[in-house]
All heavy atoms as atom14 arrays in JSON, in Angstrom:
{
  "sequence": "APGKERELVATITSDGGGYYAEPVKGRFTISKDNAKNTVYLQMNSL",
  "atom14_mask": [
    [1, 1, 1, 1, 1, 0, 0, 0, 0, 0, 0, 0, 0, 0],
    [1, 1, 1, 1, 1, 1, 1, 0, 0, 0, 0, 0, 0, 0],
    [1, 1, 1, 1, 0, 0, 0, 0, 0, 0, 0, 0, 0, 0],
    [1, 1, 1, 1, 1, 1, 1, 1, 1, 0, 0, 0, 0, 0],
    [1, 1, 1, 1, 1, 1, 1, 1, 1, 0, 0, 0, 0, 0],
    [1, 1, 1, 1, 1, 1, 1, 1, 1, 1, 1, 0, 0, 0],
    [1, 1, 1, 1, 1, 1, 1, 1, 1, 0, 0, 0, 0, 0],
    [1, 1, 1, 1, 1, 1, 1, 1, 0, 0, 0, 0, 0, 0],
    [1, 1, 1, 1, 1, 1, 1, 0, 0, 0, 0, 0, 0, 0],
    [1, 1, 1, 1, 1, 0, 0, 0, 0, 0, 0, 0, 0, 0],
    [1, 1, 1, 1, 1, 1, 1, 0, 0, 0, 0, 0, 0, 0],
    [1, 1, 1, 1, 1, 1, 1, 1, 0, 0, 0, 0, 0, 0],
    [1, 1, 1, 1, 1, 1, 1, 0, 0, 0, 0, 0, 0, 0],
    [1, 1, 1, 1, 1, 1, 0, 0, 0, 0, 0, 0, 0, 0],
    [1, 1, 1, 1, 1, 1, 1, 1, 0, 0, 0, 0, 0, 0],
    [1, 1, 1, 1, 0, 0, 0, 0, 0, 0, 0, 0, 0, 0],
    [1, 1, 1, 1, 0, 0, 0, 0, 0, 0, 0, 0, 0, 0],
    [1, 1, 1, 1, 0, 0, 0, 0, 0, 0, 0, 0, 0, 0],
    [1, 1, 1, 1, 1, 1, 1, 1, 1, 1, 1, 1, 0, 0],
    [1, 1, 1, 1, 1, 1, 1, 1, 1, 1, 1, 1, 0, 0],
    [1, 1, 1, 1, 1, 0, 0, 0, 0, 0, 0, 0, 0, 0],
    [1, 1, 1, 1, 1, 1, 1, 1, 1, 0, 0, 0, 0, 0],
    [1, 1, 1, 1, 1, 1, 1, 0, 0, 0, 0, 0, 0, 0],
    [1, 1, 1, 1, 1, 1, 1, 0, 0, 0, 0, 0, 0, 0],
    [1, 1, 1, 1, 1, 1, 1, 1, 1, 0, 0, 0, 0, 0],
    [1, 1, 1, 1, 0, 0, 0, 0, 0, 0, 0, 0, 0, 0],
    [1, 1, 1, 1, 1, 1, 1, 1, 1, 1, 1, 0, 0, 0],
    [1, 1, 1, 1, 1, 1, 1, 1, 1, 1, 1, 0, 0, 0],
    [1, 1, 1, 1, 1, 1, 1, 0, 0, 0, 0, 0, 0, 0],
    [1, 1, 1, 1, 1, 1, 1, 1, 0, 0, 0, 0, 0, 0],
    [1, 1, 1, 1, 1, 1, 0, 0, 0, 0, 0, 0, 0, 0],
    [1, 1, 1, 1, 1, 1, 1, 1, 1, 0, 0, 0, 0, 0],
    [1, 1, 1, 1, 1, 1, 1, 1, 0, 0, 0, 0, 0, 0],
    [1, 1, 1, 1, 1, 1, 1, 1, 0, 0, 0, 0, 0, 0],
    [1, 1, 1, 1, 1, 0, 0, 0, 0, 0, 0, 0, 0, 0],
    [1, 1, 1, 1, 1, 1, 1, 1, 1, 0, 0, 0, 0, 0],
    [1, 1, 1, 1, 1, 1, 1, 1, 0, 0, 0, 0, 0, 0],
    [1, 1, 1, 1, 1, 1, 1, 0, 0, 0, 0, 0, 0, 0],
    [1, 1, 1, 1, 1, 1, 1, 0, 0, 0, 0, 0, 0, 0],
    [1, 1, 1, 1, 1, 1, 1, 1, 1, 1, 1, 1, 0, 0],
    [1, 1, 1, 1, 1, 1, 1, 1, 0, 0, 0, 0, 0, 0],
    [1, 1, 1, 1, 1, 1, 1, 1, 1, 0, 0, 0, 0, 0],
    [1, 1, 1, 1, 1, 1, 1, 1, 0, 0, 0, 0, 0, 0],
    [1, 1, 1, 1, 1, 1, 1, 1, 0, 0, 0, 0, 0, 0],
    [1, 1, 1, 1, 1, 1, 0, 0, 0, 0, 0, 0, 0, 0],
    [1, 1, 1, 1, 1, 1, 1, 1, 0, 0, 0, 0, 0, 0]
  ],
  "atom14_positions": [
    [[52.6, 105.38, 87.48], [52.9, 104.19, 86.71], [53.77, 103.26, 87.56], [54.46, 103.72, 88.47], [53.61, 104.55, 85.41], [0.0, 0.0, 0.0], [0.0, 0.0, 0.0], [0.0, 0.0, 0.0], [0.0, 0.0, 0.0], [0.0, 0.0, 0.0], [0.0, 0.0, 0.0], [0.0, 0.0, 0.0], [0.0, 0.0, 0.0], [0.0, 0.0, 0.0]],
    [[53.76, 101.96, 87.28], [54.58, 101.03, 88.07], [56.05, 101.43, 88.11], [56.64, 101.73, 87.07], [54.38, 99.69, 87.35], [53.05, 99.82, 86.7], [52.96, 101.27, 86.26], [0.0, 0.0, 0.0], [0.0, 0.0, 0.0], [0.0, 0.0, 0.0], [0.0, 0.0, 0.0], [0.0, 0.0, 0.0], [0.0, 0.0, 0.0], [0.0, 0.0, 0.0]],
    [[56.61, 101.45, 89.3], [58.01, 101.79, 89.47], [58.35, 103.26, 89.35], [59.52, 103.62, 89.42], [0.0, 0.0, 0.0], [0.0, 0.0, 0.0], [0.0, 0.0, 0.0], [0.0, 0.0, 0.0], [0.0, 0.0, 0.0], [0.0, 0.0, 0.0], [0.0, 0.0, 0.0], [0.0, 0.0, 0.0], [0.0, 0.0, 0.0], [0.0, 0.0, 0.0]],
    [[57.34, 104.1, 89.19], [57.58, 105.53, 89.04], [56.9, 106.3, 90.16], [56.01, 105.8, 90.84], [57.09, 106.02, 87.68], [57.82, 105.41, 86.5], [57.36, 106.02, 85.19], [58.14, 105.44, 84.02], [57.7, 106.03, 82.73], [0.0, 0.0, 0.0], [0.0, 0.0, 0.0], [0.0, 0.0, 0.0], [0.0, 0.0, 0.0], [0.0, 0.0, 0.0]],
    [[57.33, 107.53, 90.33], [56.75, 108.4, 91.34], [55.37, 108.88, 90.91], [55.08, 109.02, 89.72], [57.65, 109.6, 91.6], [59.01, 109.27, 92.17], [59.85, 110.5, 92.41], [59.35, 111.63, 92.19], [61.01, 110.35, 92.83], [0.0, 0.0, 0.0], [0.0, 0.0, 0.0], [0.0, 0.0, 0.0], [0.0, 0.0, 0.0], [0.0, 0.0, 0.0]],
    [[54.53, 109.13, 91.9], [53.25, 109.73, 91.62], [53.46, 111.16, 91.13], [54.25, 111.91, 91.71], [52.38, 109.72, 92.87], [50.95, 110.16, 92.63], [50.08, 109.94, 93.87], [50.01, 108.53, 94.22], [49.22, 108.03, 95.16], [48.42, 108.84, 95.85], [49.22, 106.74, 95.42], [0.0, 0.0, 0.0], [0.0, 0.0, 0.0], [0.0, 0.0, 0.0]],
    [[52.77, 111.53, 90.07], [52.95, 112.85, 89.48], [51.63, 113.57, 89.33], [50.58, 112.97, 89.13], [53.65, 112.76, 88.12], [52.85, 112.05, 87.05], [53.54, 112.04, 85.7], [54.64, 112.62, 85.58], [52.98, 111.46, 84.74], [0.0, 0.0, 0.0], [0.0, 0.0, 0.0], [0.0, 0.0, 0.0], [0.0, 0.0, 0.0], [0.0, 0.0, 0.0]],
    [[51.71, 114.88, 89.42], [50.54, 115.72, 89.24], [50.09, 115.71, 87.79], [50.91, 115.8, 86.88], [50.87, 117.15, 89.67], [49.79, 118.2, 89.4], [48.58, 117.97, 90.31], [50.35, 119.6, 89.62], [0.0, 0.0, 0.0], [0.0, 0.0, 0.0], [0.0, 0.0, 0.0], [0.0, 0.0, 0.0], [0.0, 0.0, 0.0], [0.0, 0.0, 0.0]],
    [[48.79, 115.61, 87.59], [48.2, 115.71, 86.27], [47.5, 117.05, 86.09], [47.76, 117.79, 85.14], [47.21, 114.56, 86.01], [46.53, 114.73, 84.65], [47.93, 113.22, 86.08], [0.0, 0.0, 0.0], [0.0, 0.0, 0.0], [0.0, 0.0, 0.0], [0.0, 0.0, 0.0], [0.0, 0.0, 0.0], [0.0, 0.0, 0.0], [0.0, 0.0, 0.0]],
    [[46.6, 117.37, 87.01], [45.84, 118.61, 86.92], [45.24, 118.94, 88.27], [44.99, 118.06, 89.09], [44.72, 118.5, 85.87], [0.0, 0.0, 0.0], [0.0, 0.0, 0.0], [0.0, 0.0, 0.0], [0.0, 0.0, 0.0], [0.0, 0.0, 0.0], [0.0, 0.0, 0.0], [0.0, 0.0, 0.0], [0.0, 0.0, 0.0], [0.0, 0.0, 0.0]],
    [[44.99, 120.23, 88.51], [44.29, 120.67, 89.71], [43.23, 121.69, 89.32], [43.31, 122.32, 88.26], [45.23, 121.32, 90.74], [45.84, 122.49, 90.19], [46.31, 120.34, 91.19], [0.0, 0.0, 0.0], [0.0, 0.0, 0.0], [0.0, 0.0, 0.0], [0.0, 0.0, 0.0], [0.0, 0.0, 0.0], [0.0, 0.0, 0.0], [0.0, 0.0, 0.0]],
    [[42.25, 121.83, 90.19], [41.21, 122.83, 90.0], [40.88, 123.45, 91.35], [40.69, 122.75, 92.34], [39.97, 122.23, 89.31], [38.95, 123.32, 88.97], [39.34, 121.13, 90.16], [37.85, 122.84, 88.01], [0.0, 0.0, 0.0], [0.0, 0.0, 0.0], [0.0, 0.0, 0.0], [0.0, 0.0, 0.0], [0.0, 0.0, 0.0], [0.0, 0.0, 0.0]],
    [[40.84, 124.77, 91.39], [40.54, 125.48, 92.62], [39.03, 125.66, 92.77], [38.25, 125.34, 91.87], [41.24, 126.85, 92.64], [40.87, 127.59, 91.48], [42.74, 126.67, 92.68], [0.0, 0.0, 0.0], [0.0, 0.0, 0.0], [0.0, 0.0, 0.0], [0.0, 0.0, 0.0], [0.0, 0.0, 0.0], [0.0, 0.0, 0.0], [0.0, 0.0, 0.0]],
    [[38.63, 126.18, 93.92], [37.21, 126.32, 94.19], [36.51, 127.25, 93.21], [35.31, 127.08, 92.94], [36.98, 126.81, 95.63], [37.59, 128.07, 95.84], [0.0, 0.0, 0.0], [0.0, 0.0, 0.0], [0.0, 0.0, 0.0], [0.0, 0.0, 0.0], [0.0, 0.0, 0.0], [0.0, 0.0, 0.0], [0.0, 0.0, 0.0], [0.0, 0.0, 0.0]],
    [[37.24, 128.22, 92.66], [36.65, 129.14, 91.7], [36.73, 128.63, 90.27], [36.33, 129.32, 89.33], [37.27, 130.53, 91.81], [38.74, 130.55, 91.4], [39.31, 129.49, 91.12], [39.32, 131.65, 91.38], [0.0, 0.0, 0.0], [0.0, 0.0, 0.0], [0.0, 0.0, 0.0], [0.0, 0.0, 0.0], [0.0, 0.0, 0.0], [0.0, 0.0, 0.0]],
    [[37.26, 127.42, 90.08], [37.31, 126.82, 88.77], [38.6, 126.97, 88.01], [38.7, 126.48, 86.87], [0.0, 0.0, 0.0], [0.0, 0.0, 0.0], [0.0, 0.0, 0.0], [0.0, 0.0, 0.0], [0.0, 0.0, 0.0], [0.0, 0.0, 0.0], [0.0, 0.0, 0.0], [0.0, 0.0, 0.0], [0.0, 0.0, 0.0], [0.0, 0.0, 0.0]],
    [[39.58, 127.63, 88.59], [40.85, 127.8, 87.92], [41.6, 126.48, 87.81], [41.7, 125.73, 88.78], [0.0, 0.0, 0.0], [0.0, 0.0, 0.0], [0.0, 0.0, 0.0], [0.0, 0.0, 0.0], [0.0, 0.0, 0.0], [0.0, 0.0, 0.0], [0.0, 0.0, 0.0], [0.0, 0.0, 0.0], [0.0, 0.0, 0.0], [0.0, 0.0, 0.0]],
    [[42.13, 126.2, 86.64], [42.79, 124.93, 86.39], [44.28, 125.07, 86.16], [44.77, 126.11, 85.71], [0.0, 0.0, 0.0], [0.0, 0.0, 0.0], [0.0, 0.0, 0.0], [0.0, 0.0, 0.0], [0.0, 0.0, 0.0], [0.0, 0.0, 0.0], [0.0, 0.0, 0.0], [0.0, 0.0, 0.0], [0.0, 0.0, 0.0], [0.0, 0.0, 0.0]],
    [[44.99, 124.01, 86.49], [46.41, 123.9, 86.23], [46.67, 122.52, 85.65], [46.09, 121.53, 86.11], [47.25, 124.08, 87.5], [48.71, 123.76, 87.3], [49.59, 124.71, 86.8], [49.2, 122.48, 87.59], [50.92, 124.4, 86.59], [50.54, 122.17, 87.38], [51.39, 123.13, 86.88], [52.71, 122.83, 86.67], [0.0, 0.0, 0.0], [0.0, 0.0, 0.0]],
    [[47.55, 122.45, 84.64], [47.85, 121.19, 83.98], [49.34, 120.97, 83.88], [50.1, 121.9, 83.58], [47.25, 121.17, 82.57], [45.75, 121.32, 82.56], [45.16, 122.58, 82.49], [44.93, 120.21, 82.64], [43.78, 122.72, 82.5], [43.55, 120.33, 82.65], [42.99, 121.6, 82.58], [41.62, 121.72, 82.59], [0.0, 0.0, 0.0], [0.0, 0.0, 0.0]],
    [[49.74, 119.74, 84.12], [51.12, 119.37, 83.88], [51.4, 119.41, 82.38], [50.52, 119.15, 81.56], [51.4, 117.97, 84.43], [0.0, 0.0, 0.0], [0.0, 0.0, 0.0], [0.0, 0.0, 0.0], [0.0, 0.0, 0.0], [0.0, 0.0, 0.0], [0.0, 0.0, 0.0], [0.0, 0.0, 0.0], [0.0, 0.0, 0.0], [0.0, 0.0, 0.0]],
    [[52.63, 119.73, 82.02], [52.98, 119.91, 80.63], [52.62, 118.72, 79.73], [52.12, 118.94, 78.62], [54.47, 120.23, 80.5], [54.89, 120.67, 79.11], [54.27, 122.0, 78.7], [54.01, 122.82, 79.6], [54.05, 122.2, 77.49], [0.0, 0.0, 0.0], [0.0, 0.0, 0.0], [0.0, 0.0, 0.0], [0.0, 0.0, 0.0], [0.0, 0.0, 0.0]],
    [[52.83, 117.47, 80.16], [52.53, 116.35, 79.25], [51.06, 116.22, 78.85], [50.78, 115.57, 77.84], [52.97, 115.12, 80.06], [53.98, 115.65, 81.02], [53.48, 117.01, 81.39], [0.0, 0.0, 0.0], [0.0, 0.0, 0.0], [0.0, 0.0, 0.0], [0.0, 0.0, 0.0], [0.0, 0.0, 0.0], [0.0, 0.0, 0.0], [0.0, 0.0, 0.0]],
    [[50.15, 116.83, 79.61], [48.73, 116.66, 79.3], [48.08, 117.94, 78.81], [46.88, 117.92, 78.47], [47.95, 116.11, 80.51], [48.63, 114.85, 81.05], [47.81, 117.16, 81.6], [0.0, 0.0, 0.0], [0.0, 0.0, 0.0], [0.0, 0.0, 0.0], [0.0, 0.0, 0.0], [0.0, 0.0, 0.0], [0.0, 0.0, 0.0], [0.0, 0.0, 0.0]],
    [[48.8, 119.03, 78.74], [48.23, 120.29, 78.29], [47.67, 120.16, 76.88], [48.32, 119.61, 75.99], [49.27, 121.4, 78.33], [49.6, 121.89, 79.72], [50.61, 123.04, 79.69], [50.9, 123.55, 81.08], [51.94, 124.63, 81.06], [0.0, 0.0, 0.0], [0.0, 0.0, 0.0], [0.0, 0.0, 0.0], [0.0, 0.0, 0.0], [0.0, 0.0, 0.0]],
    [[46.47, 120.67, 76.7], [45.82, 120.6, 75.4], [45.08, 119.31, 75.14], [44.34, 119.22, 74.16], [0.0, 0.0, 0.0], [0.0, 0.0, 0.0], [0.0, 0.0, 0.0], [0.0, 0.0, 0.0], [0.0, 0.0, 0.0], [0.0, 0.0, 0.0], [0.0, 0.0, 0.0], [0.0, 0.0, 0.0], [0.0, 0.0, 0.0], [0.0, 0.0, 0.0]],
    [[45.26, 118.31, 76.0], [44.61, 117.02, 75.81], [43.63, 116.69, 76.93], [42.6, 116.06, 76.68], [45.65, 115.9, 75.72], [46.63, 116.06, 74.56], [47.49, 114.82, 74.4], [48.35, 114.58, 75.57], [48.32, 113.48, 76.3], [47.48, 112.49, 76.01], [49.13, 113.34, 77.34], [0.0, 0.0, 0.0], [0.0, 0.0, 0.0], [0.0, 0.0, 0.0]],
    [[43.95, 117.09, 78.16], [43.11, 116.79, 79.31], [42.42, 118.05, 79.8], [42.97, 119.15, 79.71], [43.93, 116.22, 80.47], [44.52, 114.86, 80.24], [44.47, 114.23, 79.01], [45.15, 114.2, 81.28], [45.02, 112.98, 78.81], [45.7, 112.94, 81.11], [45.64, 112.33, 79.87], [0.0, 0.0, 0.0], [0.0, 0.0, 0.0], [0.0, 0.0, 0.0]],
    [[41.23, 117.88, 80.36], [40.49, 118.99, 80.94], [39.92, 118.57, 82.29], [39.22, 117.56, 82.38], [39.35, 119.45, 80.03], [39.86, 119.83, 78.75], [38.62, 120.65, 80.65], [0.0, 0.0, 0.0], [0.0, 0.0, 0.0], [0.0, 0.0, 0.0], [0.0, 0.0, 0.0], [0.0, 0.0, 0.0], [0.0, 0.0, 0.0], [0.0, 0.0, 0.0]],
    [[40.21, 119.35, 83.33], [39.66, 119.08, 84.64], [38.46, 120.0, 84.86], [38.47, 121.17, 84.46], [40.72, 119.27, 85.75], [40.18, 118.79, 87.1], [41.2, 120.71, 85.83], [41.25, 118.71, 88.18], [0.0, 0.0, 0.0], [0.0, 0.0, 0.0], [0.0, 0.0, 0.0], [0.0, 0.0, 0.0], [0.0, 0.0, 0.0], [0.0, 0.0, 0.0]],
    [[37.42, 119.47, 85.46], [36.22, 120.24, 85.73], [35.56, 119.7, 86.99], [35.95, 118.64, 87.5], [35.25, 120.21, 84.55], [34.81, 118.88, 84.29], [0.0, 0.0, 0.0], [0.0, 0.0, 0.0], [0.0, 0.0, 0.0], [0.0, 0.0, 0.0], [0.0, 0.0, 0.0], [0.0, 0.0, 0.0], [0.0, 0.0, 0.0], [0.0, 0.0, 0.0]],
    [[34.57, 120.41, 87.48], [33.87, 119.95, 88.67], [32.42, 120.38, 88.66], [32.05, 121.35, 87.99], [34.57, 120.44, 89.95], [34.6, 121.95, 90.12], [35.48, 122.32, 91.33], [35.58, 123.83, 91.51], [34.32, 124.38, 92.08], [0.0, 0.0, 0.0], [0.0, 0.0, 0.0], [0.0, 0.0, 0.0], [0.0, 0.0, 0.0], [0.0, 0.0, 0.0]],
    [[31.62, 119.66, 89.41], [30.21, 119.97, 89.59], [30.0, 120.09, 91.09], [29.95, 119.08, 91.8], [29.34, 118.88, 88.98], [27.86, 119.21, 89.03], [27.42, 119.93, 89.94], [27.12, 118.74, 88.14], [0.0, 0.0, 0.0], [0.0, 0.0, 0.0], [0.0, 0.0, 0.0], [0.0, 0.0, 0.0], [0.0, 0.0, 0.0], [0.0, 0.0, 0.0]],
    [[29.9, 121.31, 91.58], [29.79, 121.52, 93.01], [28.54, 120.88, 93.61], [28.58, 120.35, 94.72], [29.8, 123.02, 93.33], [31.13, 123.67, 93.06], [32.15, 122.99, 92.92], [31.14, 124.99, 93.0], [0.0, 0.0, 0.0], [0.0, 0.0, 0.0], [0.0, 0.0, 0.0], [0.0, 0.0, 0.0], [0.0, 0.0, 0.0], [0.0, 0.0, 0.0]],
    [[27.44, 120.94, 92.89], [26.19, 120.37, 93.39], [26.3, 118.86, 93.58], [25.65, 118.3, 94.47], [25.04, 120.7, 92.45], [0.0, 0.0, 0.0], [0.0, 0.0, 0.0], [0.0, 0.0, 0.0], [0.0, 0.0, 0.0], [0.0, 0.0, 0.0], [0.0, 0.0, 0.0], [0.0, 0.0, 0.0], [0.0, 0.0, 0.0], [0.0, 0.0, 0.0]],
    [[27.08, 118.21, 92.74], [27.25, 116.76, 92.83], [28.49, 116.36, 93.62], [28.75, 115.16, 93.79], [27.33, 116.16, 91.43], [26.07, 116.34, 90.61], [26.21, 115.65, 89.26], [24.98, 115.87, 88.4], [23.77, 115.27, 89.02], [0.0, 0.0, 0.0], [0.0, 0.0, 0.0], [0.0, 0.0, 0.0], [0.0, 0.0, 0.0], [0.0, 0.0, 0.0]],
    [[29.26, 117.33, 94.09], [30.51, 117.06, 94.8], [31.39, 116.11, 94.01], [31.95, 115.15, 94.55], [30.22, 116.5, 96.19], [29.59, 117.51, 97.12], [30.09, 118.63, 97.25], [28.49, 117.13, 97.75], [0.0, 0.0, 0.0], [0.0, 0.0, 0.0], [0.0, 0.0, 0.0], [0.0, 0.0, 0.0], [0.0, 0.0, 0.0], [0.0, 0.0, 0.0]],
    [[31.52, 116.4, 92.73], [32.25, 115.51, 91.83], [33.21, 116.31, 90.97], [32.86, 117.39, 90.47], [31.28, 114.73, 90.94], [30.4, 113.95, 91.77], [32.02, 113.79, 90.01], [0.0, 0.0, 0.0], [0.0, 0.0, 0.0], [0.0, 0.0, 0.0], [0.0, 0.0, 0.0], [0.0, 0.0, 0.0], [0.0, 0.0, 0.0], [0.0, 0.0, 0.0]],
    [[34.4, 115.78, 90.8], [35.39, 116.36, 89.9], [35.65, 115.38, 88.77], [35.58, 114.15, 88.97], [36.69, 116.71, 90.66], [37.34, 115.47, 91.24], [37.65, 117.46, 89.76], [0.0, 0.0, 0.0], [0.0, 0.0, 0.0], [0.0, 0.0, 0.0], [0.0, 0.0, 0.0], [0.0, 0.0, 0.0], [0.0, 0.0, 0.0], [0.0, 0.0, 0.0]],
    [[35.92, 115.89, 87.59], [36.09, 115.08, 86.4], [37.44, 115.34, 85.75], [38.03, 116.42, 85.9], [34.99, 115.37, 85.37], [33.59, 115.24, 85.91], [32.91, 116.36, 86.4], [32.94, 114.02, 85.94], [31.63, 116.24, 86.9], [31.66, 113.9, 86.44], [31.0, 115.02, 86.91], [29.72, 114.9, 87.41], [0.0, 0.0, 0.0], [0.0, 0.0, 0.0]],
    [[37.9, 114.37, 85.01], [39.06, 114.55, 84.17], [38.73, 113.98, 82.8], [38.62, 112.76, 82.63], [40.29, 113.84, 84.74], [41.59, 114.07, 83.97], [42.04, 115.52, 84.08], [42.68, 113.13, 84.47], [0.0, 0.0, 0.0], [0.0, 0.0, 0.0], [0.0, 0.0, 0.0], [0.0, 0.0, 0.0], [0.0, 0.0, 0.0], [0.0, 0.0, 0.0]],
    [[38.53, 114.86, 81.83], [38.31, 114.45, 80.46], [39.65, 114.26, 79.79], [40.46, 115.19, 79.73], [37.49, 115.51, 79.71], [37.22, 115.16, 78.25], [36.32, 113.95, 78.1], [35.3, 113.84, 78.77], [36.72, 113.01, 77.24], [0.0, 0.0, 0.0], [0.0, 0.0, 0.0], [0.0, 0.0, 0.0], [0.0, 0.0, 0.0], [0.0, 0.0, 0.0]],
    [[39.9, 113.06, 79.31], [41.19, 112.69, 78.74], [41.0, 112.38, 77.26], [40.35, 111.4, 76.9], [41.76, 111.47, 79.47], [41.77, 111.62, 80.99], [42.06, 110.05, 81.85], [43.75, 109.72, 81.37], [0.0, 0.0, 0.0], [0.0, 0.0, 0.0], [0.0, 0.0, 0.0], [0.0, 0.0, 0.0], [0.0, 0.0, 0.0], [0.0, 0.0, 0.0]],
    [[41.55, 113.22, 76.42], [41.46, 113.05, 74.97], [42.84, 112.8, 74.38], [43.87, 113.08, 75.01], [40.85, 114.29, 74.32], [39.44, 114.57, 74.77], [38.67, 113.66, 75.04], [39.09, 115.85, 74.84], [0.0, 0.0, 0.0], [0.0, 0.0, 0.0], [0.0, 0.0, 0.0], [0.0, 0.0, 0.0], [0.0, 0.0, 0.0], [0.0, 0.0, 0.0]],
    [[42.86, 112.28, 73.17], [44.11, 112.01, 72.46], [45.08, 111.24, 73.32], [46.27, 111.57, 73.43], [44.74, 113.33, 71.99], [43.86, 114.04, 71.14], [0.0, 0.0, 0.0], [0.0, 0.0, 0.0], [0.0, 0.0, 0.0], [0.0, 0.0, 0.0], [0.0, 0.0, 0.0], [0.0, 0.0, 0.0], [0.0, 0.0, 0.0], [0.0, 0.0, 0.0]],
    [[44.6, 110.18, 73.93], [45.41, 109.42, 74.88], [46.59, 108.75, 74.2], [46.51, 108.29, 73.06], [44.54, 108.39, 75.59], [43.65, 108.97, 76.69], [42.52, 108.02, 77.04], [44.49, 109.3, 77.93], [0.0, 0.0, 0.0], [0.0, 0.0, 0.0], [0.0, 0.0, 0.0], [0.0, 0.0, 0.0], [0.0, 0.0, 0.0], [0.0, 0.0, 0.0]]
  ]
}
């Protein structure tokens, strides 16, 4: 955000394991599609 430090939201490892920062737990989901070389962040209850 403007004037603030960059912060971690979520990570996903090659085997699909996810990690979420506390403010987004239960609301955001990180996923990936290896065939498409694409990672996603589904953001709900914004």
